[in-house]
Protein backbone atom coordinates (compact mmCIF):
# COMPACT_ATOMS: atom_id res chain seq x y z
CA MET A 1 71.34 146.53 74.41
CA ASN A 2 73.65 149.00 76.15
CA ALA A 3 77.15 149.92 75.03
CA ALA A 4 78.86 147.38 77.32
CA GLU A 5 76.67 144.51 76.05
CA GLN A 6 77.24 145.57 72.46
CA LYS A 7 80.99 145.55 73.02
CA ARG A 8 80.88 142.05 74.57
CA THR A 9 78.76 140.82 71.65
CA GLN A 10 81.32 142.13 69.14
CA ARG A 11 84.12 140.39 71.00
CA ALA A 12 82.09 137.19 71.23
CA GLU A 13 81.96 136.98 67.44
CA GLN A 14 85.72 136.40 67.35
CA LEU A 15 85.74 133.50 69.82
CA ARG A 16 85.84 129.81 68.93
CA VAL A 17 83.34 127.50 70.64
CA PHE A 18 83.80 123.76 71.15
CA GLN A 19 81.14 121.31 72.30
CA THR A 20 82.11 118.23 74.33
CA SER A 21 78.64 116.99 75.34
CA GLN A 22 74.97 117.99 75.23
CA GLU A 23 75.34 120.91 77.65
CA ASP A 24 79.12 121.14 77.96
CA PHE A 25 81.05 123.75 75.94
CA TRP A 26 84.51 125.31 75.94
CA VAL A 27 85.23 128.81 74.64
CA GLU A 28 88.72 130.06 73.86
CA SER A 29 89.87 133.34 75.32
CA SER A 30 90.66 136.24 73.02
CA ASP A 31 94.38 135.42 72.93
CA GLY A 32 93.72 131.69 72.49
CA LYS A 33 95.88 130.77 75.49
CA ILE A 34 93.08 129.48 77.71
CA ALA A 35 89.59 128.02 77.39
CA TYR A 36 86.66 128.62 79.73
CA ARG A 37 84.07 125.96 80.42
CA ILE A 38 80.42 126.78 79.74
CA PHE A 39 77.40 124.88 81.03
CA PHE A 40 74.67 125.83 78.54
CA ASN A 41 71.09 124.53 78.41
CA ILE A 42 70.23 124.53 74.70
CA GLU A 43 66.45 124.37 75.18
CA ARG A 44 66.27 127.16 77.77
CA LYS A 45 69.16 129.08 76.20
CA VAL A 46 70.69 129.85 79.58
CA GLY A 47 74.05 128.93 81.01
CA LYS A 48 76.93 129.60 83.32
CA CYS A 49 80.58 130.41 82.62
CA THR A 50 83.72 129.73 84.65
CA CYS A 51 85.50 132.95 83.62
CA PRO A 52 86.32 135.54 86.35
CA ASP A 53 84.20 138.21 84.66
CA TYR A 54 81.03 136.11 84.87
CA GLN A 55 81.75 134.88 88.40
CA ILE A 56 82.03 138.47 89.68
CA MET A 57 79.22 140.16 87.71
CA VAL A 58 76.55 137.45 88.11
CA LYS A 59 76.50 138.11 91.87
CA SER A 60 74.87 141.53 91.27
CA ASP A 61 73.12 140.70 87.97
CA GLY A 62 71.63 137.22 87.69
CA ASP A 63 71.01 137.68 83.95
CA TYR A 64 74.58 138.77 83.18
CA LYS A 65 76.10 137.24 80.06
CA CYS A 66 79.84 137.39 79.51
CA LYS A 67 81.33 137.26 76.02
CA HIS A 68 81.90 133.51 76.37
CA LEU A 69 78.23 132.87 77.11
CA LEU A 70 77.22 135.14 74.23
CA ALA A 71 79.60 133.29 71.90
CA THR A 72 78.16 129.95 72.99
CA ALA A 73 74.54 131.07 72.46
CA GLU A 74 75.41 132.40 69.02
CA ALA A 75 77.32 129.23 68.04
CA VAL A 76 74.41 127.02 69.16
CA ARG A 77 71.93 129.16 67.26
CA ASN A 78 73.99 128.93 64.06
CA ASN A 79 75.01 125.31 64.64
CA ASP A 80 78.60 126.51 64.48
CA THR A 81 80.26 124.65 67.36
CA GLY A 82 83.43 122.65 66.89
CA ASN A 83 83.64 119.07 68.12
CA ALA A 84 86.09 118.31 70.89
CA GLU A 85 86.79 115.57 73.40
CA HIS A 86 87.10 116.13 77.12
CA ILE A 87 90.63 117.17 77.98
CA LYS A 88 92.03 115.00 80.75
CA LYS A 89 94.76 116.37 82.93
CA MET A 90 97.89 114.32 82.40
CA LYS A 91 99.17 112.61 85.51
CA PRO A 92 102.84 113.25 86.25
CA LYS A 93 105.07 110.30 85.40
CA LEU A 94 108.40 109.22 86.78
CA ASP A 95 111.17 110.50 84.51
CA GLU A 96 113.28 107.70 83.05
CA LYS A 97 116.44 109.40 84.28
CA PHE A 98 115.33 108.50 87.82
CA ILE A 99 115.03 104.77 87.04
CA ILE A 100 117.90 102.35 87.66
CA ASN A 101 117.88 98.92 86.03
CA ILE A 102 119.81 96.15 87.76
CA LYS A 103 119.80 92.73 86.11
CA GLY A 104 116.51 93.46 84.35
CA LYS A 105 114.80 94.82 87.47
CA ASP A 106 113.79 98.50 87.63
CA PHE A 107 114.20 100.62 90.76
CA CYS A 108 113.26 104.28 91.16
CA THR A 109 115.29 106.81 93.14
CA TYR A 110 114.25 109.15 95.95
CA PRO A 111 114.93 112.32 93.86
CA GLY A 112 112.59 110.93 91.20
CA LEU A 113 109.82 110.32 93.73
CA LEU A 114 110.27 113.83 95.10
CA ASP A 115 110.08 115.25 91.56
CA VAL A 116 106.72 113.54 90.90
CA ALA A 117 105.36 114.48 94.33
CA HIS A 118 106.06 118.19 93.74
CA LYS A 119 104.14 117.95 90.45
CA LEU A 120 101.26 116.50 92.48
CA ASN A 121 101.28 119.56 94.74
CA LEU A 122 103.31 118.24 97.66
CA MET A 123 103.03 120.90 100.33
CA SER A 124 104.99 119.42 103.25
CA LEU A 125 107.11 116.39 104.06
CA LYS A 126 108.02 115.81 107.70
CA VAL A 127 109.98 113.03 109.42
CA GLU A 128 109.78 111.96 113.06
CA LEU A 129 112.41 109.76 114.75
CA LEU A 130 110.53 106.95 116.53
CA GLN A 131 113.53 104.90 117.66
CA TYR A 132 117.12 106.01 118.15
CA PRO A 133 119.61 103.26 117.19
CA CYS A 134 121.52 101.81 120.14
CA LYS A 135 122.99 98.54 121.33
CA ASP A 136 119.79 97.45 123.10
CA ASN A 137 117.71 97.59 119.89
CA GLY A 138 120.33 96.18 117.56
CA HIS A 139 121.26 99.66 116.34
CA GLU A 140 118.00 99.94 114.42
CA ALA A 141 116.67 103.40 113.56
CA ILE A 142 112.93 103.79 112.90
CA THR A 143 111.35 106.94 111.49
CA LYS A 144 107.87 108.02 110.44
CA ALA A 145 107.30 110.24 107.40
CA VAL A 146 104.17 112.32 106.86
CA ALA A 147 103.45 113.94 103.49
CA GLU A 148 100.66 116.42 102.84
CA THR A 149 99.42 117.85 99.53
CA SER A 150 97.85 121.25 98.91
CA LYS A 151 94.48 119.44 98.65
CA GLY A 152 94.77 118.29 102.26
CA GLU A 153 95.62 114.68 101.41
CA ILE A 154 97.85 113.10 104.08
CA TYR A 155 100.09 110.05 103.63
CA THR A 156 102.06 108.28 106.37
CA ASP A 157 104.61 105.45 106.34
CA ILE A 158 107.49 104.01 108.37
CA GLY A 159 111.13 103.43 107.49
CA ASP A 160 113.84 101.46 109.29
CA ALA A 161 117.59 101.05 108.95
CA SER A 162 120.07 98.83 110.76
CA PRO A 163 123.50 97.32 110.08
CA GLN A 164 121.65 94.16 108.98
CA ASN A 165 119.68 95.82 106.17
CA CYS A 166 122.14 98.48 105.03
CA ASP A 167 125.41 98.55 103.14
CA SER A 168 128.40 98.68 105.47
CA ARG A 169 129.20 102.19 104.24
CA ILE A 170 125.74 103.37 105.29
CA ALA A 171 125.90 101.84 108.77
CA LYS A 172 127.28 105.10 110.20
CA HIS A 173 124.28 107.03 108.90
CA LEU A 174 121.36 104.87 110.01
CA ILE A 175 119.03 107.71 110.98
CA ARG A 176 119.48 109.43 107.64
CA MET A 177 118.91 106.18 105.76
CA SER A 178 115.81 105.40 107.80
CA SER A 179 114.53 108.90 107.10
CA THR A 180 115.11 108.52 103.36
CA ARG A 181 113.38 105.14 103.35
CA SER A 182 110.30 106.39 105.19
CA LYS A 183 110.08 109.38 102.85
CA SER A 184 110.51 107.15 99.79
CA ARG A 185 107.68 104.90 100.92
CA VAL A 186 105.29 107.73 101.69
CA LEU A 187 106.08 109.45 98.37
CA ARG A 188 105.44 106.20 96.50
CA ASP A 189 101.98 106.09 98.07
CA LEU A 190 101.34 109.73 97.22
CA SER A 191 102.53 109.27 93.63
CA ASN A 192 100.92 105.82 93.18
CA ILE A 193 104.26 104.33 92.13
CA SER A 194 104.59 100.60 92.90
CA MET A 195 108.23 100.37 91.80
CA LEU A 196 110.58 99.88 94.76
CA ALA A 197 112.92 102.75 95.55
CA ILE A 198 116.60 101.75 95.49
CA GLU A 199 117.02 103.45 98.89
CA GLU A 200 114.47 101.04 100.43
CA VAL A 201 116.48 97.96 99.53
CA GLY A 202 119.23 96.68 101.79
CA ASP A 203 120.57 94.10 99.34
CA VAL A 204 119.40 94.26 95.73
CA ASP A 205 120.53 90.70 95.04
CA GLU A 206 118.44 89.36 97.91
CA VAL A 207 115.27 91.15 96.79
CA ILE A 208 115.64 90.12 93.15
CA GLY A 209 116.55 86.60 94.19
CA SER A 210 119.07 86.26 91.36
CA PRO A 211 122.17 84.26 92.26
CA GLY A 212 125.50 85.08 90.68
CA ASN A 213 127.44 88.20 89.91
CA VAL A 214 125.27 91.20 90.82
CA VAL A 215 126.75 94.68 90.86
CA ASP A 216 124.96 97.24 92.94
CA ILE A 217 125.10 100.99 92.25
CA LYS A 218 128.05 103.12 93.38
CA SER A 219 130.61 100.37 92.64
CA ARG A 220 129.45 97.97 95.34
CA LYS A 221 131.55 94.80 95.33
CA THR A 222 129.99 91.90 93.49
CA ALA A 223 128.59 88.88 95.24
CA GLN A 224 131.04 86.77 93.30
CA SER A 225 134.06 88.66 94.58
CA LYS A 226 132.78 88.23 98.14
CA LYS A 227 132.73 84.49 97.59
CA LYS A 228 136.37 84.59 96.56
CA THR A 229 137.56 86.63 99.54
CA GLY A 230 135.24 85.29 102.23
CA SER A 231 135.04 81.89 103.81
CA THR A 232 131.85 79.87 103.82
CA LYS A 233 130.89 77.15 106.23
CA SER A 234 129.76 73.85 104.83
CA VAL A 235 126.22 72.77 105.65
CA PRO A 236 125.78 69.27 107.07
CA ALA A 237 124.21 66.81 104.68
CA LYS A 238 121.22 66.41 107.01
CA ASN A 239 120.45 70.15 106.94
CA GLN A 240 120.88 70.29 103.17
CA SER A 241 118.34 67.51 102.78
CA SER A 242 115.86 69.25 105.08
CA GLU A 243 116.16 72.55 103.19
CA LYS A 244 115.76 70.82 99.87
CA ASN A 245 112.53 69.23 101.03
CA SER A 246 111.19 72.56 102.27
CA ASP A 247 111.88 74.13 98.87
CA ASN A 248 109.48 71.73 97.17
CA GLY A 249 111.44 71.85 93.96
CA ASN A 250 110.44 75.44 93.21
CA GLY A 251 113.95 76.88 93.10
CA SER A 252 117.61 76.00 93.19
CA ASP A 253 118.46 78.34 96.08
CA GLN A 254 117.81 76.42 99.30
CA SER A 255 118.70 79.14 101.84
CA LYS A 256 115.96 80.58 104.03
CA ILE A 257 114.06 83.73 103.11
CA SER A 258 116.12 86.83 103.87
CA GLN A 259 115.05 89.73 106.04
CA ALA A 260 115.05 92.04 103.01
CA GLN A 261 112.81 89.66 101.06
CA GLU A 262 110.39 89.28 103.96
CA LYS A 263 110.09 93.06 104.30
CA ALA A 264 109.61 93.45 100.55
CA ILE A 265 106.80 90.87 100.61
CA MET A 266 105.08 92.58 103.54
CA ASN A 267 105.36 96.02 101.93
CA LEU A 268 104.08 94.79 98.56
CA SER A 269 101.14 92.91 100.10
CA LYS A 270 100.23 96.02 102.09
CA ARG A 271 100.26 98.16 98.95
CA ARG A 272 98.11 95.58 97.12
CA ASP A 273 95.62 95.51 100.04
CA ILE A 274 96.34 91.81 100.62
CA SER A 275 95.59 90.79 104.20
CA PRO A 276 98.09 88.68 106.20
CA ASP A 277 95.70 85.71 106.03
CA ASP A 278 95.34 86.01 102.26
CA LEU A 279 99.12 86.35 101.91
CA GLU A 280 99.63 83.16 103.92
CA LYS A 281 97.05 81.36 101.77
CA MET A 282 98.81 82.57 98.62
CA SER A 283 102.14 81.29 99.92
CA ARG A 284 100.70 77.91 100.87
CA ASP A 285 98.87 77.58 97.55
CA MET A 286 102.06 78.33 95.62
CA PHE A 287 104.69 76.56 97.72
CA LYS A 288 102.82 74.61 100.46
CA LEU A 289 104.81 76.69 102.96
CA SER A 290 104.23 79.61 105.29
CA VAL A 291 105.88 82.89 104.25
CA VAL A 292 108.49 82.71 107.03
CA ASN A 293 109.52 79.22 105.89
CA LEU A 294 110.04 80.07 102.22
CA SER A 295 113.43 79.68 100.58
CA THR A 296 115.07 82.66 98.88
CA SER A 297 114.05 81.39 95.44
CA ASN A 298 110.44 80.88 96.62
CA ALA A 299 110.44 84.38 98.11
CA ALA A 300 111.77 85.88 94.88
CA THR A 301 108.96 84.21 92.93
CA LEU A 302 106.36 85.52 95.39
CA ILE A 303 107.82 89.05 95.16
CA ARG A 304 107.57 88.99 91.37
CA THR A 305 103.97 87.73 91.61
CA LEU A 306 103.02 90.55 93.97
CA GLN A 307 104.72 93.12 91.73
CA GLN A 308 102.83 91.88 88.68
CA SER A 309 99.50 92.13 90.49
CA ALA A 310 99.76 95.93 90.66
């Protein structure tokens, strides 16, 4: 044993060795701040280490043993290994400060999604404008977002914004809203977060399907106050009867499915890998109606069912 090997052996005596399986070991570094993984064959008494020293030296000396390998061999010989379980890398979670609860329904925010994505090694996030809003297309902006991680994983999704699915105060900034929505959707895929982003929703009350006094974020006027200030047209008795029959007794709200609800259903079914045919079958099994013919209360029930199937 030369001087260098003797020195490594002396250092190896101070290291702690943990065994996680038959040939899987972990050895702490000298300062105890990191552990290196060792693959050690007990019968043959040979192994490999993941430390930089071993990785460099073994290229010129196939029999090279770093201090971690020496510590493992010694611990196995003396039956002096500590027991340990495999350490699983914790997956980043959405911070509660980025979650908004409205009438018992949770929504995440775009900054929260971006926070999680960066922890998952988001490398780039690009947006392409597919459709410029103008009179001919109903002033609808459509954008495509593409996210890429440092591992080469690529995620793509589409976002849209129009005066019909945005708050009136956002109508002047349709391209920006469409961009935020497409980025929110692509980041939810990247982060595996099924919770809807508040930026994706045009009308929270419509998506939740809860009638009554709903207050949106940023002091949006309540639905109840709109009823007081706005005028509503009465529905002929014949139409009321027809809508009631189409509801099949599954909800008190007889109005037709909203655009926001229909988009939420399509997005959720896509994320659950539910085909259009299976979605139609689900709707007919539950309500005896096609998705496009559902009432708002039916649609709200279907949305909750899809959310729970995550």
